[in-house]
Amino acid sequence: APTSSQRRLIVAFRTADGRDARAEVVSRH
């Protein structure tokens, strides 16, 4: 199959209750 690629981001944000969080997300942008 042709080679495919996926863009991944490490992001940080604050939750509604004030906790700091980090996550790895996939994005097309």
mmCIF file of all heavy atoms, coordinates in Angstrom:
data_MODEL
# 
_entry.id   MODEL 
# 
loop_
_atom_site.group_PDB 
_atom_site.id 
_atom_site.type_symbol 
_atom_site.label_atom_id 
_atom_site.label_alt_id 
_atom_site.label_comp_id 
_atom_site.label_asym_id 
_atom_site.label_entity_id 
_atom_site.label_seq_id 
_atom_site.pdbx_PDB_ins_code 
_atom_site.Cartn_x 
_atom_site.Cartn_y 
_atom_site.Cartn_z 
_atom_site.occupancy 
_atom_site.B_iso_or_equiv 
_atom_site.pdbx_formal_charge 
_atom_site.auth_seq_id 
_atom_site.auth_comp_id 
_atom_site.auth_asym_id 
_atom_site.auth_atom_id 
_atom_site.pdbx_PDB_model_num 
ATOM 1   N N   . ALA A 1 1  ? 0.860   -1.195 0.000  1.00 0.00 ? 1  ALA A N   1 
ATOM 2   C CA  . ALA A 1 1  ? 0.000   0.000  0.000  1.00 0.00 ? 1  ALA A CA  1 
ATOM 3   C C   . ALA A 1 1  ? 0.890   1.236  0.000  1.00 0.00 ? 1  ALA A C   1 
ATOM 4   O O   . ALA A 1 1  ? 2.046   1.189  0.413  1.00 0.00 ? 1  ALA A O   1 
ATOM 5   C CB  . ALA A 1 1  ? -0.900  0.005  1.231  1.00 0.00 ? 1  ALA A CB  1 
ATOM 6   N N   . PRO A 1 2  ? 0.363   2.346  -0.466 1.00 0.00 ? 2  PRO A N   1 
ATOM 7   C CA  . PRO A 1 2  ? 1.172   3.565  -0.441 1.00 0.00 ? 2  PRO A CA  1 
ATOM 8   C C   . PRO A 1 2  ? 1.467   4.000  0.994  1.00 0.00 ? 2  PRO A C   1 
ATOM 9   O O   . PRO A 1 2  ? 0.714   3.712  1.925  1.00 0.00 ? 2  PRO A O   1 
ATOM 10  C CB  . PRO A 1 2  ? 0.295   4.599  -1.153 1.00 0.00 ? 2  PRO A CB  1 
ATOM 11  C CG  . PRO A 1 2  ? -1.072  4.035  -1.180 1.00 0.00 ? 2  PRO A CG  1 
ATOM 12  C CD  . PRO A 1 2  ? -0.949  2.553  -1.038 1.00 0.00 ? 2  PRO A CD  1 
ATOM 13  N N   . THR A 1 3  ? 2.576   4.677  1.147  1.00 0.00 ? 3  THR A N   1 
ATOM 14  C CA  . THR A 1 3  ? 2.972   5.166  2.463  1.00 0.00 ? 3  THR A CA  1 
ATOM 15  C C   . THR A 1 3  ? 1.993   6.241  2.910  1.00 0.00 ? 3  THR A C   1 
ATOM 16  O O   . THR A 1 3  ? 1.624   7.121  2.141  1.00 0.00 ? 3  THR A O   1 
ATOM 17  C CB  . THR A 1 3  ? 4.403   5.750  2.404  1.00 0.00 ? 3  THR A CB  1 
ATOM 18  O OG1 . THR A 1 3  ? 5.286   4.728  1.967  1.00 0.00 ? 3  THR A OG1 1 
ATOM 19  C CG2 . THR A 1 3  ? 4.847   6.259  3.749  1.00 0.00 ? 3  THR A CG2 1 
ATOM 20  N N   . SER A 1 4  ? 1.570   6.155  4.159  1.00 0.00 ? 4  SER A N   1 
ATOM 21  C CA  . SER A 1 4  ? 0.696   7.186  4.713  1.00 0.00 ? 4  SER A CA  1 
ATOM 22  C C   . SER A 1 4  ? 1.391   7.813  5.909  1.00 0.00 ? 4  SER A C   1 
ATOM 23  O O   . SER A 1 4  ? 2.298   7.231  6.497  1.00 0.00 ? 4  SER A O   1 
ATOM 24  C CB  . SER A 1 4  ? -0.649  6.587  5.126  1.00 0.00 ? 4  SER A CB  1 
ATOM 25  O OG  . SER A 1 4  ? -0.462  5.673  6.177  1.00 0.00 ? 4  SER A OG  1 
ATOM 26  N N   . SER A 1 5  ? 0.968   9.009  6.244  1.00 0.00 ? 5  SER A N   1 
ATOM 27  C CA  . SER A 1 5  ? 1.562   9.682  7.397  1.00 0.00 ? 5  SER A CA  1 
ATOM 28  C C   . SER A 1 5  ? 0.456   10.276 8.250  1.00 0.00 ? 5  SER A C   1 
ATOM 29  O O   . SER A 1 5  ? -0.647  10.548 7.776  1.00 0.00 ? 5  SER A O   1 
ATOM 30  C CB  . SER A 1 5  ? 2.548   10.758 6.943  1.00 0.00 ? 5  SER A CB  1 
ATOM 31  O OG  . SER A 1 5  ? 1.898   11.703 6.133  1.00 0.00 ? 5  SER A OG  1 
ATOM 32  N N   . GLN A 1 6  ? 0.772   10.457 9.510  1.00 0.00 ? 6  GLN A N   1 
ATOM 33  C CA  . GLN A 1 6  ? -0.194  10.978 10.470 1.00 0.00 ? 6  GLN A CA  1 
ATOM 34  C C   . GLN A 1 6  ? 0.503   12.042 11.310 1.00 0.00 ? 6  GLN A C   1 
ATOM 35  O O   . GLN A 1 6  ? 1.566   11.797 11.867 1.00 0.00 ? 6  GLN A O   1 
ATOM 36  C CB  . GLN A 1 6  ? -0.688  9.826  11.345 1.00 0.00 ? 6  GLN A CB  1 
ATOM 37  C CG  . GLN A 1 6  ? -1.816  10.163 12.256 1.00 0.00 ? 6  GLN A CG  1 
ATOM 38  C CD  . GLN A 1 6  ? -2.256  8.939  13.054 1.00 0.00 ? 6  GLN A CD  1 
ATOM 39  O OE1 . GLN A 1 6  ? -1.451  8.345  13.764 1.00 0.00 ? 6  GLN A OE1 1 
ATOM 40  N NE2 . GLN A 1 6  ? -3.508  8.571  12.915 1.00 0.00 ? 6  GLN A NE2 1 
ATOM 41  N N   . ARG A 1 7  ? -0.116  13.226 11.385 1.00 0.00 ? 7  ARG A N   1 
ATOM 42  C CA  . ARG A 1 7  ? 0.442   14.324 12.165 1.00 0.00 ? 7  ARG A CA  1 
ATOM 43  C C   . ARG A 1 7  ? -0.044  14.192 13.610 1.00 0.00 ? 7  ARG A C   1 
ATOM 44  O O   . ARG A 1 7  ? -1.235  14.108 13.867 1.00 0.00 ? 7  ARG A O   1 
ATOM 45  C CB  . ARG A 1 7  ? 0.001   15.660 11.594 1.00 0.00 ? 7  ARG A CB  1 
ATOM 46  C CG  . ARG A 1 7  ? 0.543   16.861 12.323 1.00 0.00 ? 7  ARG A CG  1 
ATOM 47  C CD  . ARG A 1 7  ? 0.054   18.150 11.699 1.00 0.00 ? 7  ARG A CD  1 
ATOM 48  N NE  . ARG A 1 7  ? 0.378   18.236 10.290 1.00 0.00 ? 7  ARG A NE  1 
ATOM 49  C CZ  . ARG A 1 7  ? 1.554   18.648 9.813  1.00 0.00 ? 7  ARG A CZ  1 
ATOM 50  N NH1 . ARG A 1 7  ? 2.509   18.989 10.638 1.00 0.00 ? 7  ARG A NH1 1 
ATOM 51  N NH2 . ARG A 1 7  ? 1.762   18.714 8.516  1.00 0.00 ? 7  ARG A NH2 1 
ATOM 52  N N   . ARG A 1 8  ? 0.897   14.171 14.536 1.00 0.00 ? 8  ARG A N   1 
ATOM 53  C CA  . ARG A 1 8  ? 0.552   14.076 15.956 1.00 0.00 ? 8  ARG A CA  1 
ATOM 54  C C   . ARG A 1 8  ? 1.074   15.305 16.692 1.00 0.00 ? 8  ARG A C   1 
ATOM 55  O O   . ARG A 1 8  ? 2.127   15.842 16.366 1.00 0.00 ? 8  ARG A O   1 
ATOM 56  C CB  . ARG A 1 8  ? 1.135   12.812 16.561 1.00 0.00 ? 8  ARG A CB  1 
ATOM 57  C CG  . ARG A 1 8  ? 0.538   11.575 15.933 1.00 0.00 ? 8  ARG A CG  1 
ATOM 58  C CD  . ARG A 1 8  ? 0.905   10.349 16.662 1.00 0.00 ? 8  ARG A CD  1 
ATOM 59  N NE  . ARG A 1 8  ? 0.354   9.183  15.960 1.00 0.00 ? 8  ARG A NE  1 
ATOM 60  C CZ  . ARG A 1 8  ? 0.545   7.961  16.352 1.00 0.00 ? 8  ARG A CZ  1 
ATOM 61  N NH1 . ARG A 1 8  ? 1.260   7.712  17.417 1.00 0.00 ? 8  ARG A NH1 1 
ATOM 62  N NH2 . ARG A 1 8  ? 0.019   6.974  15.680 1.00 0.00 ? 8  ARG A NH2 1 
ATOM 63  N N   . LEU A 1 9  ? 0.307   15.708 17.680 1.00 0.00 ? 9  LEU A N   1 
ATOM 64  C CA  . LEU A 1 9  ? 0.642   16.893 18.464 1.00 0.00 ? 9  LEU A CA  1 
ATOM 65  C C   . LEU A 1 9  ? 0.658   16.536 19.940 1.00 0.00 ? 9  LEU A C   1 
ATOM 66  O O   . LEU A 1 9  ? -0.171  15.768 20.410 1.00 0.00 ? 9  LEU A O   1 
ATOM 67  C CB  . LEU A 1 9  ? -0.408  17.990 18.265 1.00 0.00 ? 9  LEU A CB  1 
ATOM 68  C CG  . LEU A 1 9  ? -0.921  18.276 16.859 1.00 0.00 ? 9  LEU A CG  1 
ATOM 69  C CD1 . LEU A 1 9  ? -2.115  19.203 16.929 1.00 0.00 ? 9  LEU A CD1 1 
ATOM 70  C CD2 . LEU A 1 9  ? 0.172   18.895 16.031 1.00 0.00 ? 9  LEU A CD2 1 
ATOM 71  N N   . ILE A 1 10 ? 1.575   17.115 20.656 1.00 0.00 ? 10 ILE A N   1 
ATOM 72  C CA  . ILE A 1 10 ? 1.548   17.074 22.114 1.00 0.00 ? 10 ILE A CA  1 
ATOM 73  C C   . ILE A 1 10 ? 0.989   18.418 22.537 1.00 0.00 ? 10 ILE A C   1 
ATOM 74  O O   . ILE A 1 10 ? 1.548   19.461 22.182 1.00 0.00 ? 10 ILE A O   1 
ATOM 75  C CB  . ILE A 1 10 ? 2.948   16.869 22.725 1.00 0.00 ? 10 ILE A CB  1 
ATOM 76  C CG1 . ILE A 1 10 ? 3.640   15.639 22.141 1.00 0.00 ? 10 ILE A CG1 1 
ATOM 77  C CG2 . ILE A 1 10 ? 2.868   16.811 24.241 1.00 0.00 ? 10 ILE A CG2 1 
ATOM 78  C CD1 . ILE A 1 10 ? 2.976   14.332 22.451 1.00 0.00 ? 10 ILE A CD1 1 
ATOM 79  N N   . VAL A 1 11 ? -0.144  18.399 23.254 1.00 0.00 ? 11 VAL A N   1 
ATOM 80  C CA  . VAL A 1 11 ? -0.810  19.637 23.644 1.00 0.00 ? 11 VAL A CA  1 
ATOM 81  C C   . VAL A 1 11 ? -0.966  19.691 25.153 1.00 0.00 ? 11 VAL A C   1 
ATOM 82  O O   . VAL A 1 11 ? -1.007  18.656 25.834 1.00 0.00 ? 11 VAL A O   1 
ATOM 83  C CB  . VAL A 1 11 ? -2.189  19.784 22.973 1.00 0.00 ? 11 VAL A CB  1 
ATOM 84  C CG1 . VAL A 1 11 ? -2.055  19.861 21.459 1.00 0.00 ? 11 VAL A CG1 1 
ATOM 85  C CG2 . VAL A 1 11 ? -3.128  18.655 23.358 1.00 0.00 ? 11 VAL A CG2 1 
ATOM 86  N N   . ALA A 1 12 ? -1.064  20.910 25.671 1.00 0.00 ? 12 ALA A N   1 
ATOM 87  C CA  . ALA A 1 12 ? -1.306  21.141 27.096 1.00 0.00 ? 12 ALA A CA  1 
ATOM 88  C C   . ALA A 1 12 ? -2.488  22.093 27.212 1.00 0.00 ? 12 ALA A C   1 
ATOM 89  O O   . ALA A 1 12 ? -2.616  23.029 26.417 1.00 0.00 ? 12 ALA A O   1 
ATOM 90  C CB  . ALA A 1 12 ? -0.073  21.726 27.763 1.00 0.00 ? 12 ALA A CB  1 
ATOM 91  N N   . PHE A 1 13 ? -3.334  21.836 28.188 1.00 0.00 ? 13 PHE A N   1 
ATOM 92  C CA  . PHE A 1 13 ? -4.492  22.696 28.402 1.00 0.00 ? 13 PHE A CA  1 
ATOM 93  C C   . PHE A 1 13 ? -4.927  22.614 29.861 1.00 0.00 ? 13 PHE A C   1 
ATOM 94  O O   . PHE A 1 13 ? -4.474  21.755 30.613 1.00 0.00 ? 13 PHE A O   1 
ATOM 95  C CB  . PHE A 1 13 ? -5.653  22.305 27.470 1.00 0.00 ? 13 PHE A CB  1 
ATOM 96  C CG  . PHE A 1 13 ? -6.148  20.899 27.644 1.00 0.00 ? 13 PHE A CG  1 
ATOM 97  C CD1 . PHE A 1 13 ? -7.260  20.626 28.422 1.00 0.00 ? 13 PHE A CD1 1 
ATOM 98  C CD2 . PHE A 1 13 ? -5.516  19.839 27.009 1.00 0.00 ? 13 PHE A CD2 1 
ATOM 99  C CE1 . PHE A 1 13 ? -7.727  19.345 28.575 1.00 0.00 ? 13 PHE A CE1 1 
ATOM 100 C CE2 . PHE A 1 13 ? -5.983  18.550 27.153 1.00 0.00 ? 13 PHE A CE2 1 
ATOM 101 C CZ  . PHE A 1 13 ? -7.081  18.298 27.937 1.00 0.00 ? 13 PHE A CZ  1 
ATOM 102 N N   . ARG A 1 14 ? -5.808  23.513 30.230 1.00 0.00 ? 14 ARG A N   1 
ATOM 103 C CA  . ARG A 1 14 ? -6.369  23.530 31.572 1.00 0.00 ? 14 ARG A CA  1 
ATOM 104 C C   . ARG A 1 14 ? -7.821  23.088 31.477 1.00 0.00 ? 14 ARG A C   1 
ATOM 105 O O   . ARG A 1 14 ? -8.587  23.594 30.669 1.00 0.00 ? 14 ARG A O   1 
ATOM 106 C CB  . ARG A 1 14 ? -6.275  24.935 32.172 1.00 0.00 ? 14 ARG A CB  1 
ATOM 107 C CG  . ARG A 1 14 ? -6.650  24.981 33.646 1.00 0.00 ? 14 ARG A CG  1 
ATOM 108 C CD  . ARG A 1 14 ? -6.333  26.339 34.233 1.00 0.00 ? 14 ARG A CD  1 
ATOM 109 N NE  . ARG A 1 14 ? -4.922  26.672 34.068 1.00 0.00 ? 14 ARG A NE  1 
ATOM 110 C CZ  . ARG A 1 14 ? -4.000  26.542 35.029 1.00 0.00 ? 14 ARG A CZ  1 
ATOM 111 N NH1 . ARG A 1 14 ? -4.349  26.120 36.202 1.00 0.00 ? 14 ARG A NH1 1 
ATOM 112 N NH2 . ARG A 1 14 ? -2.755  26.865 34.796 1.00 0.00 ? 14 ARG A NH2 1 
ATOM 113 N N   . THR A 1 15 ? -8.199  22.137 32.327 1.00 0.00 ? 15 THR A N   1 
ATOM 114 C CA  . THR A 1 15 ? -9.568  21.637 32.322 1.00 0.00 ? 15 THR A CA  1 
ATOM 115 C C   . THR A 1 15 ? -10.499 22.648 32.979 1.00 0.00 ? 15 THR A C   1 
ATOM 116 O O   . THR A 1 15 ? -10.043 23.613 33.603 1.00 0.00 ? 15 THR A O   1 
ATOM 117 C CB  . THR A 1 15 ? -9.676  20.289 33.069 1.00 0.00 ? 15 THR A CB  1 
ATOM 118 O OG1 . THR A 1 15 ? -9.307  20.499 34.435 1.00 0.00 ? 15 THR A OG1 1 
ATOM 119 C CG2 . THR A 1 15 ? -8.782  19.240 32.435 1.00 0.00 ? 15 THR A CG2 1 
ATOM 120 N N   . ALA A 1 16 ? -11.797 22.418 32.859 1.00 0.00 ? 16 ALA A N   1 
ATOM 121 C CA  . ALA A 1 16 ? -12.787 23.338 33.424 1.00 0.00 ? 16 ALA A CA  1 
ATOM 122 C C   . ALA A 1 16 ? -12.659 23.443 34.938 1.00 0.00 ? 16 ALA A C   1 
ATOM 123 O O   . ALA A 1 16 ? -12.958 24.495 35.515 1.00 0.00 ? 16 ALA A O   1 
ATOM 124 C CB  . ALA A 1 16 ? -14.195 22.882 33.052 1.00 0.00 ? 16 ALA A CB  1 
ATOM 125 N N   . ASP A 1 17 ? -12.194 22.381 35.599 1.00 0.00 ? 17 ASP A N   1 
ATOM 126 C CA  . ASP A 1 17 ? -12.039 22.436 37.054 1.00 0.00 ? 17 ASP A CA  1 
ATOM 127 C C   . ASP A 1 17 ? -10.646 22.887 37.491 1.00 0.00 ? 17 ASP A C   1 
ATOM 128 O O   . ASP A 1 17 ? -10.293 22.818 38.661 1.00 0.00 ? 17 ASP A O   1 
ATOM 129 C CB  . ASP A 1 17 ? -12.395 21.090 37.684 1.00 0.00 ? 17 ASP A CB  1 
ATOM 130 C CG  . ASP A 1 17 ? -11.518 19.950 37.203 1.00 0.00 ? 17 ASP A CG  1 
ATOM 131 O OD1 . ASP A 1 17 ? -10.646 20.177 36.347 1.00 0.00 ? 17 ASP A OD1 1 
ATOM 132 O OD2 . ASP A 1 17 ? -11.715 18.813 37.680 1.00 0.00 ? 17 ASP A OD2 1 
ATOM 133 N N   . GLY A 1 18 ? -9.834  23.376 36.544 1.00 0.00 ? 18 GLY A N   1 
ATOM 134 C CA  . GLY A 1 18 ? -8.545  23.999 36.873 1.00 0.00 ? 18 GLY A CA  1 
ATOM 135 C C   . GLY A 1 18 ? -7.340  23.089 36.859 1.00 0.00 ? 18 GLY A C   1 
ATOM 136 O O   . GLY A 1 18 ? -6.238  23.528 37.188 1.00 0.00 ? 18 GLY A O   1 
ATOM 137 N N   . ARG A 1 19 ? -7.493  21.829 36.482 1.00 0.00 ? 19 ARG A N   1 
ATOM 138 C CA  . ARG A 1 19 ? -6.339  20.925 36.424 1.00 0.00 ? 19 ARG A CA  1 
ATOM 139 C C   . ARG A 1 19 ? -5.577  21.116 35.128 1.00 0.00 ? 19 ARG A C   1 
ATOM 140 O O   . ARG A 1 19 ? -6.165  21.355 34.084 1.00 0.00 ? 19 ARG A O   1 
ATOM 141 C CB  . ARG A 1 19 ? -6.791  19.464 36.509 1.00 0.00 ? 19 ARG A CB  1 
ATOM 142 C CG  . ARG A 1 19 ? -7.396  19.079 37.833 1.00 0.00 ? 19 ARG A CG  1 
ATOM 143 C CD  . ARG A 1 19 ? -7.793  17.618 37.837 1.00 0.00 ? 19 ARG A CD  1 
ATOM 144 N NE  . ARG A 1 19 ? -8.929  17.450 36.921 1.00 0.00 ? 19 ARG A NE  1 
ATOM 145 C CZ  . ARG A 1 19 ? -9.223  16.336 36.286 1.00 0.00 ? 19 ARG A CZ  1 
ATOM 146 N NH1 . ARG A 1 19 ? -8.474  15.262 36.440 1.00 0.00 ? 19 ARG A NH1 1 
ATOM 147 N NH2 . ARG A 1 19 ? -10.263 16.265 35.480 1.00 0.00 ? 19 ARG A NH2 1 
ATOM 148 N N   . ASP A 1 20 ? -4.249  21.011 35.201 1.00 0.00 ? 20 ASP A N   1 
ATOM 149 C CA  . ASP A 1 20 ? -3.428  21.042 33.993 1.00 0.00 ? 20 ASP A CA  1 
ATOM 150 C C   . ASP A 1 20 ? -3.392  19.638 33.399 1.00 0.00 ? 20 ASP A C   1 
ATOM 151 O O   . ASP A 1 20 ? -3.270  18.653 34.123 1.00 0.00 ? 20 ASP A O   1 
ATOM 152 C CB  . ASP A 1 20 ? -2.006  21.498 34.321 1.00 0.00 ? 20 ASP A CB  1 
ATOM 153 C CG  . ASP A 1 20 ? -1.940  22.979 34.652 1.00 0.00 ? 20 ASP A CG  1 
ATOM 154 O OD1 . ASP A 1 20 ? -2.780  23.741 34.132 1.00 0.00 ? 20 ASP A OD1 1 
ATOM 155 O OD2 . ASP A 1 20 ? -1.066  23.382 35.439 1.00 0.00 ? 20 ASP A OD2 1 
ATOM 156 N N   . ALA A 1 21 ? -3.514  19.555 32.079 1.00 0.00 ? 21 ALA A N   1 
ATOM 157 C CA  . ALA A 1 21 ? -3.526  18.259 31.413 1.00 0.00 ? 21 ALA A CA  1 
ATOM 158 C C   . ALA A 1 21 ? -2.682  18.318 30.157 1.00 0.00 ? 21 ALA A C   1 
ATOM 159 O O   . ALA A 1 21 ? -2.522  19.379 29.543 1.00 0.00 ? 21 ALA A O   1 
ATOM 160 C CB  . ALA A 1 21 ? -4.962  17.857 31.066 1.00 0.00 ? 21 ALA A CB  1 
ATOM 161 N N   . ARG A 1 22 ? -2.145  17.170 29.793 1.00 0.00 ? 22 ARG A N   1 
ATOM 162 C CA  . ARG A 1 22 ? -1.409  17.005 28.538 1.00 0.00 ? 22 ARG A CA  1 
ATOM 163 C C   . ARG A 1 22 ? -1.993  15.823 27.799 1.00 0.00 ? 22 ARG A C   1 
ATOM 164 O O   . ARG A 1 22 ? -2.444  14.864 28.407 1.00 0.00 ? 22 ARG A O   1 
ATOM 165 C CB  . ARG A 1 22 ? 0.075   16.732 28.799 1.00 0.00 ? 22 ARG A CB  1 
ATOM 166 C CG  . ARG A 1 22 ? 0.846   17.940 29.177 1.00 0.00 ? 22 ARG A CG  1 
ATOM 167 C CD  . ARG A 1 22 ? 2.306   17.598 29.260 1.00 0.00 ? 22 ARG A CD  1 
ATOM 168 N NE  . ARG A 1 22 ? 3.031   18.800 29.644 1.00 0.00 ? 22 ARG A NE  1 
ATOM 169 C CZ  . ARG A 1 22 ? 4.235   19.084 29.250 1.00 0.00 ? 22 ARG A CZ  1 
ATOM 170 N NH1 . ARG A 1 22 ? 4.887   18.238 28.477 1.00 0.00 ? 22 ARG A NH1 1 
ATOM 171 N NH2 . ARG A 1 22 ? 4.821   20.183 29.623 1.00 0.00 ? 22 ARG A NH2 1 
ATOM 172 N N   . ALA A 1 23 ? -1.949  15.905 26.484 1.00 0.00 ? 23 ALA A N   1 
ATOM 173 C CA  . ALA A 1 23 ? -2.467  14.808 25.669 1.00 0.00 ? 23 ALA A CA  1 
ATOM 174 C C   . ALA A 1 23 ? -1.744  14.779 24.335 1.00 0.00 ? 23 ALA A C   1 
ATOM 175 O O   . ALA A 1 23 ? -1.200  15.790 23.878 1.00 0.00 ? 23 ALA A O   1 
ATOM 176 C CB  . ALA A 1 23 ? -3.968  14.982 25.448 1.00 0.00 ? 23 ALA A CB  1 
ATOM 177 N N   . GLU A 1 24 ? -1.750  13.599 23.735 1.00 0.00 ? 24 GLU A N   1 
ATOM 178 C CA  . GLU A 1 24 ? -1.243  13.442 22.369 1.00 0.00 ? 24 GLU A CA  1 
ATOM 179 C C   . GLU A 1 24 ? -2.467  13.328 21.480 1.00 0.00 ? 24 GLU A C   1 
ATOM 180 O O   . GLU A 1 24 ? -3.315  12.471 21.690 1.00 0.00 ? 24 GLU A O   1 
ATOM 181 C CB  . GLU A 1 24 ? -0.399  12.182 22.269 1.00 0.00 ? 24 GLU A CB  1 
ATOM 182 C CG  . GLU A 1 24 ? 0.127   11.934 20.885 1.00 0.00 ? 24 GLU A CG  1 
ATOM 183 C CD  . GLU A 1 24 ? 0.975   10.675 20.812 1.00 0.00 ? 24 GLU A CD  1 
ATOM 184 O OE1 . GLU A 1 24 ? 1.649   10.351 21.801 1.00 0.00 ? 24 GLU A OE1 1 
ATOM 185 O OE2 . GLU A 1 24 ? 0.938   10.026 19.763 1.00 0.00 ? 24 GLU A OE2 1 
ATOM 186 N N   . VAL A 1 25 ? -2.589  14.222 20.511 1.00 0.00 ? 25 VAL A N   1 
ATOM 187 C CA  . VAL A 1 25 ? -3.747  14.231 19.627 1.00 0.00 ? 25 VAL A CA  1 
ATOM 188 C C   . VAL A 1 25 ? -3.293  14.104 18.178 1.00 0.00 ? 25 VAL A C   1 
ATOM 189 O O   . VAL A 1 25 ? -2.163  14.420 17.841 1.00 0.00 ? 25 VAL A O   1 
ATOM 190 C CB  . VAL A 1 25 ? -4.611  15.510 19.808 1.00 0.00 ? 25 VAL A CB  1 
ATOM 191 C CG1 . VAL A 1 25 ? -5.127  15.619 21.222 1.00 0.00 ? 25 VAL A CG1 1 
ATOM 192 C CG2 . VAL A 1 25 ? -3.860  16.751 19.423 1.00 0.00 ? 25 VAL A CG2 1 
ATOM 193 N N   . VAL A 1 26 ? -4.206  13.631 17.351 1.00 0.00 ? 26 VAL A N   1 
ATOM 194 C CA  . VAL A 1 26 ? -3.961  13.497 15.916 1.00 0.00 ? 26 VAL A CA  1 
ATOM 195 C C   . VAL A 1 26 ? -4.714  14.626 15.228 1.00 0.00 ? 26 VAL A C   1 
ATOM 196 O O   . VAL A 1 26 ? -5.851  14.921 15.576 1.00 0.00 ? 26 VAL A O   1 
ATOM 197 C CB  . VAL A 1 26 ? -4.446  12.130 15.405 1.00 0.00 ? 26 VAL A CB  1 
ATOM 198 C CG1 . VAL A 1 26 ? -4.278  12.029 13.904 1.00 0.00 ? 26 VAL A CG1 1 
ATOM 199 C CG2 . VAL A 1 26 ? -3.716  11.015 16.110 1.00 0.00 ? 26 VAL A CG2 1 
ATOM 200 N N   . SER A 1 27 ? -4.074  15.265 14.263 1.00 0.00 ? 27 SER A N   1 
ATOM 201 C CA  . SER A 1 27 ? -4.723  16.363 13.558 1.00 0.00 ? 27 SER A CA  1 
ATOM 202 C C   . SER A 1 27 ? -4.371  16.324 12.082 1.00 0.00 ? 27 SER A C   1 
ATOM 203 O O   . SER A 1 27 ? -3.278  15.908 11.696 1.00 0.00 ? 27 SER A O   1 
ATOM 204 C CB  . SER A 1 27 ? -4.277  17.697 14.150 1.00 0.00 ? 27 SER A CB  1 
ATOM 205 O OG  . SER A 1 27 ? -4.818  18.764 13.418 1.00 0.00 ? 27 SER A OG  1 
ATOM 206 N N   . ARG A 1 28 ? -5.316  16.781 11.269 1.00 0.00 ? 28 ARG A N   1 
ATOM 207 C CA  . ARG A 1 28 ? -5.055  16.918 9.834  1.00 0.00 ? 28 ARG A CA  1 
ATOM 208 C C   . ARG A 1 28 ? -4.502  18.297 9.519  1.00 0.00 ? 28 ARG A C   1 
ATOM 209 O O   . ARG A 1 28 ? -4.026  18.535 8.420  1.00 0.00 ? 28 ARG A O   1 
ATOM 210 C CB  . ARG A 1 28 ? -6.346  16.693 9.050  1.00 0.00 ? 28 ARG A CB  1 
ATOM 211 C CG  . ARG A 1 28 ? -6.875  15.294 9.142  1.00 0.00 ? 28 ARG A CG  1 
ATOM 212 C CD  . ARG A 1 28 ? -8.165  15.205 8.420  1.00 0.00 ? 28 ARG A CD  1 
ATOM 213 N NE  . ARG A 1 28 ? -9.033  16.278 8.914  1.00 0.00 ? 28 ARG A NE  1 
ATOM 214 C CZ  . ARG A 1 28 ? -10.327 16.200 9.048  1.00 0.00 ? 28 ARG A CZ  1 
ATOM 215 N NH1 . ARG A 1 28 ? -10.944 15.128 8.694  1.00 0.00 ? 28 ARG A NH1 1 
ATOM 216 N NH2 . ARG A 1 28 ? -11.039 17.199 9.511  1.00 0.00 ? 28 ARG A NH2 1 
ATOM 217 N N   . HIS A 1 29 ? -4.619  19.233 10.449 1.00 0.00 ? 29 HIS A N   1 
ATOM 218 C CA  . HIS A 1 29 ? -4.170  20.598 10.209 1.00 0.00 ? 29 HIS A CA  1 
ATOM 219 C C   . HIS A 1 29 ? -2.691  20.751 10.572 1.00 0.00 ? 29 HIS A C   1 
ATOM 220 O O   . HIS A 1 29 ? -2.217  20.125 11.513 1.00 0.00 ? 29 HIS A O   1 
ATOM 221 C CB  . HIS A 1 29 ? -5.003  21.585 11.026 1.00 0.00 ? 29 HIS A CB  1 
ATOM 222 C CG  . HIS A 1 29 ? -6.457  21.552 10.675 1.00 0.00 ? 29 HIS A CG  1 
ATOM 223 N ND1 . HIS A 1 29 ? -6.942  21.946 9.450  1.00 0.00 ? 29 HIS A ND1 1 
ATOM 224 C CD2 . HIS A 1 29 ? -7.539  21.147 11.385 1.00 0.00 ? 29 HIS A CD2 1 
ATOM 225 C CE1 . HIS A 1 29 ? -8.259  21.794 9.429  1.00 0.00 ? 29 HIS A CE1 1 
ATOM 226 N NE2 . HIS A 1 29 ? -8.645  21.307 10.590 1.00 0.00 ? 29 HIS A NE2 1 
# 
